[in-house]
Amino acid sequence: MKRALITGGAGGIGAAIVDSLQGDGVACAVADLKTARAPIDGVHYMAVDIADEDGIAVMERSLNDNGFGQIDYLVHCAAVLHHAPFRETSRADWQRVIRTNLEGSIAVTQAVVPLMSKGGRIVLFASGTVFKGPPNLFAYVAAKAGVIGLARCLAEELGEDDITVNVICPGITATSMIQDIAHTEQANIASRALRRRAWPEDIVGPVRFLLSDGAAFVTGQTLCVDGGSVKH
């Protein structure tokens, strides 16, 4: 049986990924600050803060104590968003975003890699905003750009163990996370080749591909899943 850790899996995109993997018989563990609104039977849920060193330690112990001493798939969705002008953003606010979105990505991956055998799969989440540079999202964009750089370096280092590392960049997707930027969604949709709203289920298939045997020779790549808003 394959085993997966999904961060941010209590809701939104992460929960859709958990539902899909669990339905195919993958044993899933979820690390999230929030409690799942609709817990899935058989999923091991951990209430932890991946931006906190103690939270990572709790996650590691819980994985080992609950049958996840080996991890085949890491899908790291957990993130926070802060929407405010550069001049008006406090140091504490932008540090919180960097700590969760970039440092958290490093900490989770560093904790999980020792649990991975050859052929493991890592999928990190960045954002299409990295390629657009929208206003009022500088901390989020900077952190997510760092995730892409991290993935490229990890792909090189972990390749000797046939562990692949890739990045998914969603566009604005209909989850609770976008509440602060909901007013920008219609303009974003207008910029897409596929002019409709994005749902968490739209992100599941691309993630599943990167976890699959069919993607065994794909690593260090960044895939935008945004209906063609970013074209490159």
Protein backbone atom coordinates (compact mmCIF):
# COMPACT_ATOMS: atom_id res chain seq x y z
CA MET A 1 0.00 0.00 0.00
CA LYS A 2 1.24 3.49 -0.89
CA ARG A 3 1.33 6.12 1.83
CA ALA A 4 0.89 9.85 1.34
CA LEU A 5 1.25 12.97 3.45
CA ILE A 6 -0.89 15.89 2.34
CA THR A 7 -0.43 19.20 4.12
CA GLY A 8 -3.33 21.62 4.07
CA GLY A 9 -5.57 18.60 3.48
CA ALA A 10 -8.40 19.59 5.81
CA GLY A 11 -10.11 21.66 3.12
CA GLY A 12 -9.92 23.14 -0.36
CA ILE A 13 -7.49 21.69 -2.89
CA GLY A 14 -5.77 19.51 -0.31
CA ALA A 15 -9.02 17.84 0.75
CA ALA A 16 -9.91 17.10 -2.89
CA ILE A 17 -6.52 15.44 -3.34
CA VAL A 18 -6.98 13.39 -0.15
CA ASP A 19 -10.41 12.24 -1.29
CA SER A 20 -9.03 11.14 -4.66
CA LEU A 21 -5.99 9.29 -3.29
CA GLN A 22 -7.90 7.64 -0.45
CA GLY A 23 -10.49 6.45 -2.94
CA ASP A 24 -7.75 4.62 -4.83
CA GLY A 25 -6.49 2.84 -1.73
CA VAL A 26 -3.61 5.17 -0.81
CA ALA A 27 -3.18 5.52 2.96
CA CYS A 28 -3.34 9.25 3.65
CA ALA A 29 -2.10 11.39 6.53
CA VAL A 30 -3.10 15.05 6.70
CA ALA A 31 -1.25 17.86 8.49
CA ASP A 32 -3.27 21.04 8.85
CA LEU A 33 -3.85 23.86 11.31
CA LYS A 34 -7.59 23.48 10.78
CA THR A 35 -9.93 20.64 11.61
CA ALA A 36 -11.46 18.92 8.60
CA ARG A 37 -15.07 19.97 8.09
CA ALA A 38 -15.82 16.65 6.41
CA PRO A 39 -13.29 14.09 7.70
CA ILE A 40 -12.72 11.11 5.43
CA ASP A 41 -12.87 7.67 7.03
CA GLY A 42 -9.46 6.07 7.36
CA VAL A 43 -7.47 9.30 6.98
CA HIS A 44 -5.02 10.15 9.78
CA TYR A 45 -5.51 13.84 10.62
CA MET A 46 -2.89 15.84 12.54
CA ALA A 47 -3.58 19.33 13.89
CA VAL A 48 -0.13 20.91 13.56
CA ASP A 49 1.47 24.19 12.51
CA ILE A 50 4.06 23.37 9.86
CA ALA A 51 5.56 26.85 10.28
CA ASP A 52 6.56 25.97 13.84
CA GLU A 53 9.51 23.75 14.78
CA ASP A 54 7.48 22.07 17.53
CA GLY A 55 4.66 21.46 15.06
CA ILE A 56 7.03 19.64 12.71
CA ALA A 57 8.27 17.52 15.60
CA VAL A 58 4.70 16.61 16.56
CA MET A 59 3.98 15.70 12.93
CA GLU A 60 7.04 13.45 12.72
CA ARG A 61 6.11 11.58 15.92
CA SER A 62 2.50 11.18 14.84
CA LEU A 63 3.51 9.80 11.44
CA ASN A 64 5.82 7.22 13.00
CA ASP A 65 3.26 6.25 15.65
CA ASN A 66 0.46 5.75 13.14
CA GLY A 67 1.97 3.57 10.45
CA PHE A 68 3.54 6.28 8.29
CA GLY A 69 7.18 5.50 8.96
CA GLN A 70 7.54 5.29 5.18
CA ILE A 71 6.07 7.91 2.86
CA ASP A 72 5.70 7.42 -0.88
CA TYR A 73 4.03 10.73 -1.76
CA LEU A 74 4.33 14.22 -0.29
CA VAL A 75 1.80 16.78 -1.51
CA HIS A 76 2.46 20.09 0.23
CA CYS A 77 -0.55 22.39 -0.16
CA ALA A 78 -0.51 24.27 3.16
CA ALA A 79 -0.18 28.04 2.77
CA VAL A 80 -1.40 31.40 4.00
CA LEU A 81 -2.31 34.51 2.01
CA HIS A 82 -1.85 38.16 2.93
CA HIS A 83 -3.30 40.85 0.68
CA ALA A 84 -2.06 44.38 1.40
CA PRO A 85 0.03 47.13 -0.23
CA PHE A 86 3.78 46.84 0.18
CA ARG A 87 4.05 50.16 2.03
CA GLU A 88 1.36 49.19 4.53
CA THR A 89 2.46 45.64 5.36
CA SER A 90 4.09 45.14 8.74
CA ARG A 91 7.22 43.11 9.17
CA ALA A 92 5.26 40.64 11.31
CA ASP A 93 2.74 40.08 8.52
CA TRP A 94 5.22 39.44 5.75
CA GLN A 95 7.37 37.28 8.00
CA ARG A 96 4.32 35.12 8.80
CA VAL A 97 3.75 34.54 5.09
CA ILE A 98 7.40 33.74 4.37
CA ARG A 99 7.63 31.50 7.44
CA THR A 100 4.57 29.44 6.49
CA ASN A 101 4.82 29.33 2.71
CA LEU A 102 8.57 29.05 2.17
CA GLU A 103 10.17 27.99 5.44
CA GLY A 104 7.25 25.60 6.02
CA SER A 105 7.87 24.01 2.63
CA ILE A 106 11.52 23.47 3.52
CA ALA A 107 10.70 22.09 6.99
CA VAL A 108 8.02 19.65 5.82
CA THR A 109 10.13 18.36 2.96
CA GLN A 110 13.21 17.98 5.16
CA ALA A 111 11.12 15.98 7.66
CA VAL A 112 9.62 13.68 5.02
CA VAL A 113 12.59 12.96 2.74
CA PRO A 114 14.25 10.62 5.27
CA LEU A 115 11.01 8.59 5.27
CA MET A 116 11.00 8.23 1.48
CA SER A 117 12.33 5.20 -0.33
CA LYS A 118 13.57 5.21 -3.92
CA GLY A 119 10.96 6.35 -6.38
CA GLY A 120 9.20 8.75 -4.02
CA ARG A 121 7.20 11.69 -5.31
CA ILE A 122 7.13 15.24 -3.99
CA VAL A 123 4.64 17.81 -5.27
CA LEU A 124 4.96 21.32 -3.85
CA PHE A 125 2.50 24.15 -4.43
CA ALA A 126 3.45 27.61 -5.66
CA SER A 127 1.14 30.00 -7.54
CA GLY A 128 0.51 31.49 -10.95
CA THR A 129 1.01 34.88 -9.28
CA VAL A 130 4.78 34.22 -9.41
CA PHE A 131 4.62 34.77 -13.18
CA LYS A 132 2.30 37.77 -13.01
CA GLY A 133 3.51 39.85 -10.05
CA PRO A 134 0.11 41.25 -9.06
CA PRO A 135 -0.11 44.19 -6.65
CA ASN A 136 -0.69 43.73 -2.92
CA LEU A 137 0.62 40.15 -2.82
CA PHE A 138 4.36 40.73 -2.64
CA ALA A 139 5.05 38.48 0.39
CA TYR A 140 2.96 35.62 -0.98
CA VAL A 141 4.55 35.89 -4.42
CA ALA A 142 8.08 36.11 -3.01
CA ALA A 143 7.52 33.03 -0.86
CA LYS A 144 5.99 31.03 -3.70
CA ALA A 145 8.83 32.01 -6.05
CA GLY A 146 11.14 30.59 -3.40
CA VAL A 147 9.22 27.31 -3.48
CA ILE A 148 9.92 26.97 -7.20
CA GLY A 149 13.62 27.56 -6.59
CA LEU A 150 13.58 25.06 -3.74
CA ALA A 151 11.99 22.40 -5.94
CA ARG A 152 14.60 22.83 -8.66
CA CYS A 153 17.43 22.35 -6.18
CA LEU A 154 15.75 19.39 -4.50
CA ALA A 155 15.09 17.71 -7.85
CA GLU A 156 18.85 17.74 -8.49
CA GLU A 157 19.80 16.53 -5.01
CA LEU A 158 17.16 13.80 -4.69
CA GLY A 159 17.44 12.50 -8.24
CA GLU A 160 20.04 9.94 -7.17
CA ASP A 161 17.25 8.22 -5.21
CA ASP A 162 14.78 8.50 -8.10
CA ILE A 163 12.70 10.91 -6.03
CA THR A 164 10.97 13.45 -8.25
CA VAL A 165 10.19 17.00 -7.13
CA ASN A 166 7.73 19.12 -9.06
CA VAL A 167 5.55 22.18 -8.51
CA ILE A 168 1.90 22.90 -9.22
CA CYS A 169 0.92 26.57 -9.71
CA PRO A 170 -2.84 26.98 -9.46
CA GLY A 171 -4.62 30.12 -10.48
CA ILE A 172 -7.31 31.61 -8.24
CA THR A 173 -9.35 28.60 -7.16
CA ALA A 174 -12.71 28.53 -5.38
CA THR A 175 -11.58 27.81 -1.81
CA SER A 176 -11.87 29.64 1.49
CA MET A 177 -8.29 30.87 1.09
CA ILE A 178 -9.24 33.39 -1.60
CA GLN A 179 -11.72 35.35 0.51
CA ASP A 180 -9.37 38.35 0.75
CA ILE A 181 -8.87 38.49 -3.02
CA ALA A 182 -12.32 37.36 -4.17
CA HIS A 183 -12.83 40.78 -5.80
CA THR A 184 -10.02 39.95 -8.27
CA GLU A 185 -11.48 36.63 -9.43
CA GLN A 186 -13.55 37.90 -12.35
CA ALA A 187 -10.59 39.75 -13.87
CA ASN A 188 -8.52 36.61 -13.44
CA ILE A 189 -11.15 34.51 -15.17
CA ALA A 190 -11.22 37.01 -18.05
CA SER A 191 -7.46 36.48 -18.48
CA ARG A 192 -7.87 32.73 -18.98
CA ALA A 193 -8.12 30.83 -22.22
CA LEU A 194 -10.74 28.69 -20.45
CA ARG A 195 -12.98 31.40 -19.07
CA ARG A 196 -14.57 29.78 -16.09
CA ARG A 197 -14.10 29.45 -12.36
CA ALA A 198 -11.47 26.99 -11.10
CA TRP A 199 -12.51 24.36 -8.57
CA PRO A 200 -10.31 22.21 -6.31
CA GLU A 201 -11.13 19.18 -8.45
CA ASP A 202 -9.44 20.89 -11.42
CA ILE A 203 -6.11 20.61 -9.61
CA VAL A 204 -6.40 16.95 -8.64
CA GLY A 205 -5.66 15.40 -12.04
CA PRO A 206 -2.36 17.25 -12.60
CA VAL A 207 -1.22 16.31 -9.09
CA ARG A 208 -2.19 12.69 -9.69
CA PHE A 209 -0.15 12.69 -12.90
CA LEU A 210 2.96 13.95 -11.11
CA LEU A 211 2.53 11.20 -8.49
CA SER A 212 2.07 8.50 -11.11
CA ASP A 213 4.48 6.06 -12.74
CA GLY A 214 3.84 7.97 -15.95
CA ALA A 215 5.73 10.94 -14.48
CA ALA A 216 8.76 8.94 -13.35
CA PHE A 217 11.00 10.93 -15.72
CA VAL A 218 9.49 14.34 -14.89
CA THR A 219 11.27 16.35 -12.21
CA GLY A 220 12.25 19.92 -11.44
CA GLN A 221 9.25 21.19 -13.39
CA THR A 222 6.59 23.81 -12.69
CA LEU A 223 3.10 23.26 -14.07
CA CYS A 224 0.56 26.10 -14.15
CA VAL A 225 -2.99 24.83 -13.71
CA ASP A 226 -4.97 28.00 -14.26
CA GLY A 227 -7.05 27.61 -17.42
CA GLY A 228 -4.37 29.22 -19.54
CA SER A 229 -4.04 32.53 -17.70
CA VAL A 230 -0.26 32.03 -17.62
CA LYS A 231 1.11 30.76 -20.92
CA HIS A 232 4.77 29.75 -21.09
